[in-house]
């Protein structure tokens, strides 16, 4: 088993960050066949995601995203590729989002 940790700072505020997180969850469901559930909070939201061989959470704050996941044995061999792909997805989504006024 292997662990992923991806952290990204942003200046979007929670409402805009929430929209980015929803987009990411939709892409994860489509592209990686993930099952995602979304919990909204007052100061932080959490996306729970899983599929065979991977499970984790994405914490969505007003100024940061923090993804933590556990990879099963088979996915562990692709840890760096998975980490890179998810990081690129966050970067692309955050760069196209509008910062808070």
Protein backbone atom coordinates (compact mmCIF):
# COMPACT_ATOMS: atom_id res chain seq x y z
CA UNK A 1 0.00 0.00 0.00
CA UNK A 2 1.09 3.52 -0.74
CA UNK A 3 -0.16 6.96 0.23
CA UNK A 4 -0.71 10.05 -1.91
CA UNK A 5 -0.68 13.58 -0.59
CA UNK A 6 -1.33 16.54 -2.87
CA UNK A 7 -1.65 20.08 -1.58
CA UNK A 8 -2.53 23.20 -3.55
CA UNK A 9 -2.99 26.77 -2.31
CA UNK A 10 -5.44 29.08 -4.06
CA UNK A 11 -7.18 32.42 -3.56
CA UNK A 12 -10.66 31.47 -4.72
CA UNK A 13 -12.66 31.52 -1.53
CA UNK A 14 -14.89 28.61 -0.56
CA UNK A 15 -17.79 29.13 -3.03
CA UNK A 16 -15.48 29.13 -6.09
CA UNK A 17 -13.28 26.36 -4.64
CA UNK A 18 -16.43 24.29 -4.14
CA UNK A 19 -17.23 24.63 -7.86
CA UNK A 20 -13.71 23.48 -8.77
CA UNK A 21 -14.01 20.51 -6.40
CA UNK A 22 -17.35 19.51 -7.97
CA UNK A 23 -15.72 19.63 -11.42
CA UNK A 24 -12.80 17.52 -10.21
CA UNK A 25 -15.18 14.96 -8.67
CA UNK A 26 -17.15 14.73 -11.91
CA UNK A 27 -13.94 14.16 -13.89
CA UNK A 28 -12.74 11.55 -11.38
CA UNK A 29 -16.03 9.70 -11.72
CA UNK A 30 -15.90 9.78 -15.52
CA UNK A 31 -12.21 9.25 -16.17
CA UNK A 32 -11.23 6.94 -13.29
CA UNK A 33 -14.57 5.28 -12.51
CA UNK A 34 -14.48 6.70 -8.98
CA UNK A 35 -17.46 6.89 -6.66
CA UNK A 36 -17.50 10.36 -5.12
CA UNK A 37 -19.61 11.87 -2.37
CA UNK A 38 -19.54 15.52 -1.33
CA UNK A 39 -20.00 16.95 2.16
CA UNK A 40 -20.41 20.70 2.48
CA UNK A 41 -19.27 22.41 5.65
CA UNK A 42 -19.23 25.98 6.91
CA UNK A 43 -15.48 26.47 6.51
CA UNK A 44 -14.40 23.32 4.66
CA UNK A 45 -15.93 20.73 2.36
CA UNK A 46 -14.84 17.12 1.92
CA UNK A 47 -15.02 14.95 -1.17
CA UNK A 48 -14.81 11.25 -0.37
CA UNK A 49 -13.75 9.08 -3.30
CA UNK A 50 -13.07 5.39 -3.84
CA UNK A 51 -12.93 2.53 -6.26
CA UNK A 52 -11.24 -0.84 -6.11
CA UNK A 53 -7.63 -0.19 -5.13
CA UNK A 54 -7.92 3.47 -4.11
CA UNK A 55 -9.74 5.48 -1.49
CA UNK A 56 -9.28 8.95 -0.12
CA UNK A 57 -10.52 12.44 0.61
CA UNK A 58 -10.17 15.88 -0.87
CA UNK A 59 -10.45 18.65 1.74
CA UNK A 60 -11.67 21.85 0.11
CA UNK A 61 -10.97 25.10 1.94
CA UNK A 62 -11.28 28.79 1.14
CA UNK A 63 -7.56 28.91 0.34
CA UNK A 64 -6.35 25.34 -0.19
CA UNK A 65 -7.06 21.86 -1.51
CA UNK A 66 -5.60 18.85 0.26
CA UNK A 67 -5.97 15.39 -1.22
CA UNK A 68 -4.98 12.28 0.69
CA UNK A 69 -5.44 8.80 -0.71
CA UNK A 70 -4.40 5.26 -0.04
CA UNK A 71 -3.45 3.16 -3.04
CA UNK A 72 -3.77 -0.60 -3.03
CA UNK A 73 -0.95 -2.87 -4.07
CA UNK A 74 -1.61 -2.77 -7.83
CA UNK A 75 -2.05 1.01 -7.96
CA UNK A 76 1.07 1.59 -5.84
CA UNK A 77 3.22 0.84 -8.88
CA UNK A 78 1.61 3.86 -10.61
CA UNK A 79 1.80 6.23 -7.63
CA UNK A 80 3.95 8.88 -9.31
CA UNK A 81 1.87 8.86 -12.49
CA UNK A 82 -1.40 9.13 -10.54
CA UNK A 83 0.03 11.90 -8.35
CA UNK A 84 1.24 13.81 -11.40
CA UNK A 85 -2.08 13.46 -13.23
CA UNK A 86 -4.15 14.63 -10.25
CA UNK A 87 -1.75 17.52 -9.61
CA UNK A 88 -2.07 18.62 -13.24
CA UNK A 89 -5.86 18.40 -13.00
CA UNK A 90 -5.88 20.63 -9.92
CA UNK A 91 -3.50 23.11 -11.54
CA UNK A 92 -5.63 23.34 -14.69
CA UNK A 93 -8.92 23.68 -12.79
CA UNK A 94 -7.51 26.25 -10.35
CA UNK A 95 -5.92 28.30 -13.14
CA UNK A 96 -9.24 28.62 -14.98
CA UNK A 97 -11.30 29.43 -11.87
CA UNK A 98 -12.09 33.02 -10.97
CA UNK A 99 -10.61 34.33 -7.70
CA UNK A 100 -12.89 35.88 -5.13
CA UNK A 101 -13.40 39.65 -5.40
